[in-house]
Amino acid sequence: MAEDTQLQRSPFLEGPYAPVTEEITAFDLPVTGRLPAELTGRYLRNGPNPLGLDDPGQHWFLGPGMVHGVRLRDGRAEWYRNRWVRSRAVAEALGETWPGGPVHNDTDFAANTHVLAHAGRTLATVEAGSLPYELTPELETIGPCDFGGTLPGGYAAHTKLDRRTGDLHALAYFWGWDHVQHVVIGPDGRVRRTTDVPVADGPMMHDFALTERYVVLLDLPVTFSMDAATAGSRLPYTWNPAHPPRVGLLPREGAPGARWFEVDPCWVFHTLNAYDDGDRVVVDLCRYDGGYDLAAPAEQGPLTLDRWTVDPVRGTVAEQRLDDRAQEFPRVDDRVVSRPHRFGYSAALGDVGRDTVAPSGDFADGAFTNALLKHDLATGTVQAHPFGRDAAVGEAVFAPSAPRSGEDDGYVLAFVHDPDRGAADLVVLAAQDFAAGPVARVHLPVRVPLGFHGNWIADPG
């Protein structure tokens, strides 16, 4: 009973974060507006969804993953599905037989952070030692995936696809390693290269960035804590002021060593994008100033959109503020990953009006992510699209109108909680008319809790 009371008090089991209790399949979903006929594919998003109040994962980062998806084709919303990722523990809790498969270092987890497609596979991903889980196109669990036995260890939450080469890049870390590992999976779905980069203290590297020449590593002072692990913490990564904050440039090809550059103390969950600018490297990211406590994500310092310009010739990192509005989950058009970008999208924190965004907010605030932001980094302008004070919107994902369309020629997709219906909509915004009303709303039959990351997975062809 005491544990149930504790879980009830967790802000991540209430309001827009509250888990759903059932798996739903619905067909021929109602639509307000007109779905663009060129959007043919699946919009998928992953996030934690604890299995009832007896599940110990009351922290937002720790609940087992549930993938939500909508299938669009010919101007219709064919289906909505939500499915838990069937790790062994989840399968047993649901009274099912675990599908089985490889496990890294006895670390099996229902991947809850991202969902992507590569080489014909749909993959739910998570970091810190677990393997991704492969799903069917309809989101049923196939089992853990080690890419045909070619992955030597655990995998990562975030990946970057280089669309020119077809290579999928990731940066894996694990508390038991004295290194992080750059993993490159080829277009055939097999690991073609791994590179170990020595690091001290077991840092958490949730995300990274990619340019045409470099893998950009963020070695920041959130590190593994044996004291926290010994005390029974399920999230044994803590702020370590003795760990020097730095950014690293690892050549994608050739010499295996990384070159490191000092930065001011901070924490970064997510990068927007990075690219080469002559000899320099430009990295745009969401930066938390000062120390960061994973155990209390709602109690952090200022969060801003910043640009770091790494100059290997001078050995310096220039830090520039792009936007002081509090925001997270930055995304670009995935076709420009590792190359110069003009536009970016993010989810706002704080109270957002049509023309203003408050400079602060937090994960547990009911106003978290009630709006999306569009950045034009060439002009330095920001547009907000608010969805109402009691709405809750997740990460924005860009879907191009055609494979060769321009960077801003397409649509922005996101799940938005509609407080009037008590359920979620898949909202489609025109990227070039971002502040206008949605092009279409697909009305889902259930609520979608605020979660983490997803992708628009267009049909081949």
Protein backbone atom coordinates (compact mmCIF):
# COMPACT_ATOMS: atom_id res chain seq x y z
CA MET A 1 0.00 0.00 0.00
CA ALA A 2 2.83 2.43 0.80
CA GLU A 3 4.37 1.87 -2.64
CA ASP A 4 1.01 2.53 -4.33
CA THR A 5 0.72 5.81 -2.45
CA GLN A 6 4.21 6.80 -3.56
CA LEU A 7 3.40 6.00 -7.16
CA GLN A 8 0.18 7.99 -7.03
CA ARG A 9 2.15 11.06 -5.95
CA SER A 10 4.55 10.83 -8.87
CA PRO A 11 3.79 13.59 -11.39
CA PHE A 12 4.72 11.15 -14.14
CA LEU A 13 1.72 8.96 -13.36
CA GLU A 14 -0.77 11.83 -13.45
CA GLY A 15 -2.24 14.32 -15.88
CA PRO A 16 -0.79 14.20 -19.41
CA TYR A 17 1.77 11.58 -18.33
CA ALA A 18 -0.68 9.10 -16.83
CA PRO A 19 -0.30 5.65 -18.41
CA VAL A 20 -3.08 3.98 -20.36
CA THR A 21 -4.23 0.55 -19.26
CA GLU A 22 -5.26 -1.15 -22.49
CA GLU A 23 -3.98 -1.94 -25.95
CA ILE A 24 -6.34 -0.62 -28.61
CA THR A 25 -6.79 -1.25 -32.32
CA ALA A 26 -9.09 1.08 -34.23
CA PHE A 27 -9.76 1.32 -37.98
CA ASP A 28 -11.00 4.07 -40.31
CA LEU A 29 -10.36 6.91 -37.91
CA PRO A 30 -12.41 10.11 -38.19
CA VAL A 31 -10.56 13.13 -39.58
CA THR A 32 -11.25 16.85 -39.32
CA GLY A 33 -9.81 18.71 -42.30
CA ARG A 34 -8.09 16.98 -45.19
CA LEU A 35 -5.18 14.57 -44.88
CA PRO A 36 -2.56 15.23 -47.57
CA ALA A 37 -2.68 12.36 -50.05
CA GLU A 38 1.13 12.40 -50.30
CA LEU A 39 1.43 11.27 -46.67
CA THR A 40 1.56 7.52 -47.14
CA GLY A 41 3.15 5.63 -44.29
CA ARG A 42 3.14 5.28 -40.51
CA TYR A 43 3.59 7.86 -37.78
CA LEU A 44 5.04 6.03 -34.76
CA ARG A 45 5.99 7.26 -31.30
CA ASN A 46 7.46 5.48 -28.29
CA GLY A 47 7.21 6.33 -24.61
CA PRO A 48 7.06 4.86 -21.09
CA ASN A 49 3.78 3.31 -19.99
CA PRO A 50 3.93 1.56 -16.59
CA LEU A 51 1.89 -1.61 -16.18
CA GLY A 52 -0.38 -0.54 -13.34
CA LEU A 53 0.30 0.94 -9.92
CA ASP A 54 2.33 -2.04 -8.78
CA ASP A 55 4.93 -1.29 -11.46
CA PRO A 56 8.00 0.26 -9.76
CA GLY A 57 8.84 2.52 -12.70
CA GLN A 58 7.26 5.68 -11.37
CA HIS A 59 10.03 7.85 -12.84
CA TRP A 60 9.18 8.95 -16.36
CA PHE A 61 12.35 7.41 -17.79
CA LEU A 62 11.76 3.91 -16.40
CA GLY A 63 8.34 2.64 -17.45
CA PRO A 64 8.19 -0.12 -20.09
CA GLY A 65 7.82 1.16 -23.61
CA MET A 66 4.53 1.46 -25.46
CA VAL A 67 4.55 2.33 -29.15
CA HIS A 68 1.62 4.29 -30.59
CA GLY A 69 1.05 4.37 -34.34
CA VAL A 70 -1.26 5.75 -37.02
CA ARG A 71 -1.34 4.40 -40.59
CA LEU A 72 -2.05 6.99 -43.32
CA ARG A 73 -2.80 6.15 -46.96
CA ASP A 74 -4.72 7.78 -49.81
CA GLY A 75 -5.95 10.63 -47.62
CA ARG A 76 -7.33 8.23 -45.00
CA ALA A 77 -6.29 7.24 -41.48
CA GLU A 78 -6.50 3.47 -41.79
CA TRP A 79 -5.65 2.48 -38.24
CA TYR A 80 -4.41 3.40 -34.80
CA ARG A 81 -2.59 0.89 -32.58
CA ASN A 82 -0.82 1.04 -29.23
CA ARG A 83 1.30 -1.90 -28.09
CA TRP A 84 3.60 -2.55 -25.15
CA VAL A 85 7.07 -3.72 -26.13
CA ARG A 86 7.24 -7.32 -24.91
CA SER A 87 10.39 -7.69 -22.87
CA ARG A 88 10.46 -10.83 -20.74
CA ALA A 89 9.05 -8.96 -17.73
CA VAL A 90 6.27 -7.29 -19.73
CA ALA A 91 5.29 -10.53 -21.47
CA GLU A 92 5.09 -12.34 -18.13
CA ALA A 93 3.07 -9.52 -16.56
CA LEU A 94 0.60 -9.79 -19.44
CA GLY A 95 0.38 -13.58 -19.06
CA GLU A 96 2.15 -14.22 -22.36
CA THR A 97 5.18 -16.20 -23.46
CA TRP A 98 8.22 -14.04 -24.07
CA PRO A 99 9.28 -14.34 -27.72
CA GLY A 100 12.90 -14.82 -26.66
CA GLY A 101 16.11 -13.67 -28.26
CA PRO A 102 19.56 -12.28 -27.45
CA VAL A 103 20.20 -10.28 -24.27
CA HIS A 104 23.26 -8.15 -23.51
CA ASN A 105 24.78 -8.65 -20.05
CA ASP A 106 21.45 -9.81 -18.56
CA THR A 107 20.03 -6.36 -19.35
CA ASP A 108 16.60 -6.84 -20.89
CA PHE A 109 14.27 -3.84 -21.00
CA ALA A 110 11.07 -2.99 -22.87
CA ALA A 111 12.65 -0.27 -25.03
CA ASN A 112 10.78 2.96 -24.26
CA THR A 113 12.63 5.84 -25.90
CA HIS A 114 12.53 5.85 -29.71
CA VAL A 115 11.10 3.94 -32.63
CA LEU A 116 12.58 3.89 -36.12
CA ALA A 117 12.83 1.87 -39.31
CA HIS A 118 16.02 0.61 -40.94
CA ALA A 119 16.77 -2.10 -43.48
CA GLY A 120 13.22 -3.45 -43.38
CA ARG A 121 13.03 -3.58 -39.59
CA THR A 122 10.89 -1.51 -37.22
CA LEU A 123 12.90 -1.03 -34.02
CA ALA A 124 12.06 0.27 -30.55
CA THR A 125 15.25 1.56 -28.93
CA VAL A 126 16.61 2.44 -25.50
CA GLU A 127 20.07 3.19 -24.08
CA ALA A 128 22.40 2.01 -21.30
CA GLY A 129 23.03 -1.58 -22.33
CA SER A 130 19.78 -3.07 -23.58
CA LEU A 131 19.18 -4.25 -27.13
CA PRO A 132 16.52 -2.76 -29.38
CA TYR A 133 13.31 -4.68 -29.90
CA GLU A 134 12.09 -5.50 -33.38
CA LEU A 135 8.39 -4.97 -34.09
CA THR A 136 6.11 -5.96 -36.94
CA PRO A 137 4.68 -3.16 -39.12
CA GLU A 138 1.54 -3.51 -36.94
CA LEU A 139 3.63 -3.02 -33.76
CA GLU A 140 3.56 -6.58 -32.43
CA THR A 141 6.82 -7.61 -30.76
CA ILE A 142 9.11 -9.95 -32.68
CA GLY A 143 11.89 -9.93 -30.09
CA PRO A 144 15.22 -8.34 -29.17
CA CYS A 145 17.47 -7.54 -32.11
CA ASP A 146 21.26 -7.79 -32.36
CA PHE A 147 21.29 -7.21 -36.13
CA GLY A 148 21.88 -10.81 -37.10
CA GLY A 149 24.45 -11.41 -34.36
CA THR A 150 26.69 -8.53 -35.53
CA LEU A 151 26.10 -6.15 -32.58
CA PRO A 152 28.80 -6.80 -29.94
CA GLY A 153 27.06 -5.13 -26.99
CA GLY A 154 24.11 -2.95 -26.10
CA TYR A 155 22.65 -0.24 -28.33
CA ALA A 156 21.46 3.36 -28.04
CA ALA A 157 18.24 5.36 -27.86
CA HIS A 158 19.13 7.86 -30.59
CA THR A 159 20.39 7.12 -34.07
CA LYS A 160 21.34 9.28 -37.06
CA LEU A 161 20.78 8.05 -40.61
CA ASP A 162 23.10 9.36 -43.31
CA ARG A 163 20.76 9.23 -46.28
CA ARG A 164 23.60 9.51 -48.81
CA THR A 165 25.38 6.39 -47.58
CA GLY A 166 22.45 4.52 -46.06
CA ASP A 167 24.46 4.02 -42.85
CA LEU A 168 22.71 4.24 -39.48
CA HIS A 169 24.96 5.71 -36.77
CA ALA A 170 24.54 5.29 -33.01
CA LEU A 171 26.57 5.92 -29.87
CA ALA A 172 26.17 3.20 -27.24
CA TYR A 173 27.16 3.41 -23.60
CA PHE A 174 26.92 0.97 -20.68
CA TRP A 175 27.81 1.38 -17.01
CA GLY A 176 30.17 -1.62 -17.14
CA TRP A 177 32.29 -0.22 -19.98
CA ASP A 178 35.36 2.04 -19.83
CA HIS A 179 34.41 3.44 -23.23
CA VAL A 180 31.50 4.47 -25.40
CA GLN A 181 31.00 2.79 -28.74
CA HIS A 182 30.24 4.29 -32.13
CA VAL A 183 28.17 1.74 -34.04
CA VAL A 184 27.57 1.91 -37.80
CA ILE A 185 24.86 -0.30 -39.28
CA GLY A 186 24.91 -0.57 -43.05
CA PRO A 187 21.97 -0.48 -45.46
CA ASP A 188 21.86 -4.31 -45.23
CA GLY A 189 20.93 -4.11 -41.54
CA ARG A 190 24.22 -5.53 -40.23
CA VAL A 191 26.88 -3.82 -38.12
CA ARG A 192 29.70 -2.90 -40.47
CA ARG A 193 31.95 -1.09 -37.97
CA THR A 194 32.31 -0.30 -34.28
CA THR A 195 34.77 2.15 -32.72
CA ASP A 196 35.46 2.25 -28.99
CA VAL A 197 36.20 5.68 -27.51
CA PRO A 198 37.79 5.60 -24.01
CA VAL A 199 35.98 7.72 -21.39
CA ALA A 200 36.23 8.05 -17.61
CA ASP A 201 33.51 7.67 -14.97
CA GLY A 202 30.88 5.98 -17.14
CA PRO A 203 29.13 9.06 -18.56
CA MET A 204 25.54 9.00 -19.76
CA MET A 205 25.42 9.96 -23.45
CA HIS A 206 21.75 10.10 -24.36
CA ASP A 207 22.26 11.73 -27.74
CA PHE A 208 25.04 12.76 -30.10
CA ALA A 209 25.36 14.57 -33.41
CA LEU A 210 26.69 13.69 -36.83
CA THR A 211 28.39 15.68 -39.60
CA GLU A 212 29.79 14.50 -42.90
CA ARG A 213 33.24 14.20 -41.27
CA TYR A 214 32.63 13.66 -37.55
CA VAL A 215 30.65 11.98 -34.84
CA VAL A 216 30.06 14.66 -32.18
CA LEU A 217 30.25 13.25 -28.64
CA LEU A 218 28.88 14.99 -25.54
CA ASP A 219 30.87 13.89 -22.49
CA LEU A 220 29.08 15.83 -19.74
CA PRO A 221 29.02 15.46 -15.93
CA VAL A 222 26.12 13.02 -15.53
CA THR A 223 27.94 9.77 -14.78
CA PHE A 224 27.35 6.33 -13.34
CA SER A 225 27.25 6.26 -9.53
CA MET A 226 28.09 3.01 -7.79
CA ASP A 227 26.81 4.54 -4.55
CA ALA A 228 23.40 5.14 -6.14
CA ALA A 229 23.38 1.66 -7.64
CA THR A 230 24.33 0.08 -4.30
CA ALA A 231 21.55 2.05 -2.61
CA GLY A 232 19.10 0.41 -5.01
CA SER A 233 18.50 3.31 -7.39
CA ARG A 234 17.06 2.20 -10.72
CA LEU A 235 18.47 5.40 -12.22
CA PRO A 236 22.09 5.29 -10.98
CA TYR A 237 23.40 8.29 -12.95
CA THR A 238 24.08 11.47 -11.00
CA TRP A 239 25.63 14.90 -11.47
CA ASN A 240 29.38 14.57 -10.99
CA PRO A 241 31.08 17.98 -10.65
CA ALA A 242 34.51 16.32 -10.75
CA HIS A 243 33.88 15.09 -14.32
CA PRO A 244 35.16 17.70 -16.83
CA PRO A 245 32.48 18.73 -19.37
CA ARG A 246 33.70 18.43 -22.94
CA VAL A 247 32.64 17.87 -26.53
CA GLY A 248 34.49 15.43 -28.76
CA LEU A 249 35.03 15.10 -32.50
CA LEU A 250 35.48 11.50 -33.65
CA PRO A 251 36.35 11.12 -37.35
CA ARG A 252 33.70 9.04 -39.09
CA GLU A 253 36.35 7.33 -41.20
CA GLY A 254 40.07 6.97 -40.71
CA ALA A 255 41.82 7.74 -37.45
CA PRO A 256 39.89 6.17 -34.53
CA GLY A 257 40.77 8.69 -31.80
CA ALA A 258 38.50 11.53 -30.67
CA ARG A 259 39.73 15.07 -30.08
CA TRP A 260 38.19 16.78 -27.04
CA PHE A 261 37.32 20.41 -26.28
CA GLU A 262 36.25 21.91 -22.95
CA VAL A 263 32.82 23.49 -22.50
CA ASP A 264 31.09 25.18 -19.55
CA PRO A 265 29.27 22.89 -17.06
CA CYS A 266 25.89 21.93 -18.50
CA TRP A 267 23.70 19.04 -19.52
CA VAL A 268 22.34 18.14 -22.96
CA PHE A 269 19.70 15.53 -23.64
CA HIS A 270 19.17 16.30 -27.32
CA THR A 271 20.90 17.81 -30.32
CA LEU A 272 19.01 19.47 -33.15
CA ASN A 273 21.63 18.82 -35.84
CA ALA A 274 25.28 19.40 -36.72
CA TYR A 275 27.30 20.13 -39.85
CA ASP A 276 30.77 20.97 -41.08
CA ASP A 277 31.55 24.62 -41.78
CA GLY A 278 34.99 24.64 -43.34
CA ASP A 279 37.38 23.47 -40.64
CA ARG A 280 34.78 24.13 -37.95
CA VAL A 281 31.85 22.05 -36.71
CA VAL A 282 28.49 23.64 -35.87
CA VAL A 283 26.22 21.88 -33.36
CA ASP A 284 22.73 23.11 -32.38
CA LEU A 285 21.32 21.66 -29.16
CA CYS A 286 19.04 22.17 -26.16
CA ARG A 287 21.28 23.06 -23.20
CA TYR A 288 20.53 22.95 -19.47
CA ASP A 289 22.76 25.44 -17.67
CA GLY A 290 24.75 24.14 -14.72
CA GLY A 291 24.18 20.88 -12.86
CA TYR A 292 21.46 18.40 -13.77
CA ASP A 293 19.71 15.95 -11.44
CA LEU A 294 18.08 13.05 -13.31
CA ALA A 295 16.07 12.20 -10.21
CA ALA A 296 14.30 15.58 -10.34
CA PRO A 297 13.98 16.67 -14.00
CA ALA A 298 11.49 19.38 -13.02
CA GLU A 299 14.02 21.23 -10.87
CA GLN A 300 16.75 22.29 -13.27
CA GLY A 301 18.46 25.47 -14.34
CA PRO A 302 17.67 27.50 -17.47
CA LEU A 303 17.06 25.49 -20.65
CA THR A 304 17.79 27.15 -23.98
CA LEU A 305 18.44 26.45 -27.64
CA ASP A 306 22.15 27.07 -28.23
CA ARG A 307 24.77 26.75 -30.94
CA TRP A 308 28.27 25.44 -30.30
CA THR A 309 30.91 26.11 -32.93
CA VAL A 310 33.90 23.84 -32.46
CA ASP A 311 37.12 25.13 -33.99
CA PRO A 312 39.75 22.35 -34.08
CA VAL A 313 42.37 24.75 -35.44
CA ARG A 314 42.11 27.10 -32.46
CA GLY A 315 41.06 24.39 -30.02
CA THR A 316 38.00 26.36 -28.89
CA VAL A 317 34.23 26.06 -28.58
CA ALA A 318 32.19 29.24 -29.11
CA GLU A 319 28.77 29.12 -27.42
CA GLN A 320 25.91 31.20 -28.88
CA ARG A 321 22.34 31.57 -27.64
CA LEU A 322 19.81 30.94 -30.43
CA ASP A 323 16.63 31.15 -28.34
CA ASP A 324 16.13 31.67 -24.61
CA ARG A 325 12.67 30.11 -24.58
CA ALA A 326 12.56 26.84 -22.63
CA GLN A 327 12.17 23.95 -25.07
CA GLU A 328 13.04 20.31 -25.64
CA PHE A 329 12.81 17.48 -28.22
CA PRO A 330 14.47 19.42 -31.08
CA ARG A 331 14.10 17.94 -34.58
CA VAL A 332 15.04 18.82 -38.15
CA ASP A 333 13.97 17.41 -41.47
CA ASP A 334 15.78 14.06 -41.24
CA ARG A 335 16.99 14.43 -44.82
CA VAL A 336 19.40 17.17 -43.72
CA VAL A 337 20.88 15.31 -40.76
CA SER A 338 24.68 15.87 -40.76
CA ARG A 339 24.36 18.72 -43.29
CA PRO A 340 23.54 22.44 -43.02
CA HIS A 341 19.96 23.10 -41.90
CA ARG A 342 17.82 26.20 -41.86
CA PHE A 343 14.73 25.07 -39.98
CA GLY A 344 14.18 23.29 -36.70
CA TYR A 345 11.21 22.28 -34.55
CA SER A 346 10.90 21.82 -30.80
CA ALA A 347 8.35 21.39 -28.02
CA ALA A 348 7.88 24.40 -25.74
CA LEU A 349 8.02 24.34 -21.95
CA GLY A 350 6.02 26.92 -20.07
CA ASP A 351 2.87 28.87 -20.86
CA VAL A 352 2.65 29.60 -24.58
CA GLY A 353 0.46 32.15 -26.28
CA ARG A 354 0.17 32.89 -29.96
CA ASP A 355 3.16 35.26 -29.96
CA THR A 356 4.95 34.60 -26.68
CA VAL A 357 6.66 31.75 -24.89
CA ALA A 358 7.51 32.01 -21.21
CA PRO A 359 11.23 31.61 -20.50
CA SER A 360 10.79 28.73 -18.08
CA GLY A 361 8.80 25.56 -17.52
CA ASP A 362 9.26 22.02 -16.30
CA PHE A 363 8.48 18.42 -17.09
CA ALA A 364 5.91 18.11 -14.33
CA ASP A 365 4.12 21.38 -15.11
CA GLY A 366 0.74 20.88 -16.73
CA ALA A 367 1.73 23.50 -19.29
CA PHE A 368 4.72 21.46 -20.48
CA THR A 369 4.58 21.04 -24.24
CA ASN A 370 1.30 22.79 -24.94
CA ALA A 371 2.88 24.27 -28.07
CA LEU A 372 5.34 23.58 -30.84
CA LEU A 373 8.00 26.01 -32.03
CA LYS A 374 9.43 26.46 -35.51
CA HIS A 375 12.86 28.06 -35.84
CA ASP A 376 14.12 29.78 -38.97
CA LEU A 377 17.81 29.89 -38.14
CA ALA A 378 18.64 31.98 -41.21
CA THR A 379 16.45 34.87 -40.07
CA GLY A 380 16.57 34.21 -36.33
CA THR A 381 12.77 34.12 -36.10
CA VAL A 382 10.57 31.74 -34.12
CA GLN A 383 6.92 30.87 -34.71
CA ALA A 384 4.75 29.27 -32.04
CA HIS A 385 1.77 27.02 -32.65
CA PRO A 386 -0.10 26.73 -29.32
CA PHE A 387 -2.79 24.11 -28.84
CA GLY A 388 -4.54 25.59 -25.82
CA ARG A 389 -3.61 25.87 -22.18
CA ASP A 390 -4.85 22.41 -21.20
CA ALA A 391 -3.54 20.63 -24.28
CA ALA A 392 -0.38 18.52 -24.25
CA VAL A 393 1.72 18.02 -27.36
CA GLY A 394 4.72 15.81 -27.86
CA GLU A 395 7.73 15.92 -30.16
CA ALA A 396 7.27 17.42 -33.62
CA VAL A 397 8.30 15.21 -36.56
CA PHE A 398 8.78 16.56 -40.08
CA ALA A 399 7.36 14.63 -43.05
CA PRO A 400 8.40 15.87 -46.52
CA SER A 401 5.70 16.33 -49.14
CA ALA A 402 7.85 14.40 -51.64
CA PRO A 403 11.23 12.64 -51.49
CA ARG A 404 13.01 15.51 -53.27
CA SER A 405 11.00 18.43 -51.90
CA GLY A 406 12.71 21.35 -50.19
CA GLU A 407 13.68 21.39 -46.53
CA ASP A 408 10.56 23.33 -45.52
CA ASP A 409 8.19 21.71 -48.02
CA GLY A 410 6.16 19.26 -46.02
CA TYR A 411 4.22 18.71 -42.82
CA VAL A 412 4.79 18.61 -39.08
CA LEU A 413 3.16 15.71 -37.22
CA ALA A 414 2.56 15.30 -33.49
CA PHE A 415 0.20 13.67 -31.02
CA VAL A 416 -1.82 16.31 -29.16
CA HIS A 417 -4.07 15.65 -26.18
CA ASP A 418 -7.50 17.24 -26.74
CA PRO A 419 -8.93 18.09 -23.29
CA ASP A 420 -12.43 18.52 -24.72
CA ARG A 421 -12.50 14.91 -25.96
CA GLY A 422 -10.27 13.43 -23.27
CA ALA A 423 -8.36 11.72 -26.08
CA ALA A 424 -5.53 12.44 -28.49
CA ASP A 425 -5.38 13.68 -32.05
CA LEU A 426 -2.66 13.18 -34.61
CA VAL A 427 -2.28 16.78 -35.75
CA VAL A 428 -0.89 17.64 -39.18
CA LEU A 429 0.51 21.17 -39.66
CA ALA A 430 1.74 22.67 -42.92
CA ALA A 431 5.39 23.51 -42.28
CA GLN A 432 5.30 26.58 -44.54
CA ASP A 433 2.19 27.91 -42.79
CA PHE A 434 3.15 26.79 -39.30
CA ALA A 435 1.16 29.29 -37.25
CA ALA A 436 -2.09 28.58 -39.13
CA GLY A 437 -4.65 26.02 -38.08
CA PRO A 438 -3.94 22.33 -38.63
CA VAL A 439 -4.34 20.91 -42.12
CA ALA A 440 -5.92 17.86 -40.50
CA ARG A 441 -6.65 16.25 -37.16
CA VAL A 442 -6.94 12.48 -36.92
CA HIS A 443 -9.14 11.74 -33.91
CA LEU A 444 -7.84 8.79 -31.92
CA PRO A 445 -10.22 6.81 -29.70
CA VAL A 446 -7.97 7.05 -26.63
CA ARG A 447 -5.51 9.29 -24.83
CA VAL A 448 -1.80 9.11 -25.73
CA PRO A 449 0.39 9.94 -22.70
CA LEU A 450 3.24 12.39 -23.17
CA GLY A 451 6.17 10.30 -24.25
CA PHE A 452 9.51 10.53 -25.96
CA HIS A 453 10.48 10.13 -29.60
CA GLY A 454 9.10 8.89 -32.87
CA ASN A 455 9.34 9.02 -36.65
CA TRP A 456 7.37 9.38 -39.81
CA ILE A 457 8.09 6.17 -41.72
CA ALA A 458 7.06 6.68 -45.33
CA ASP A 459 6.16 3.70 -47.49
CA PRO A 460 8.92 2.65 -49.90
CA GLY A 461 8.75 3.94 -53.43
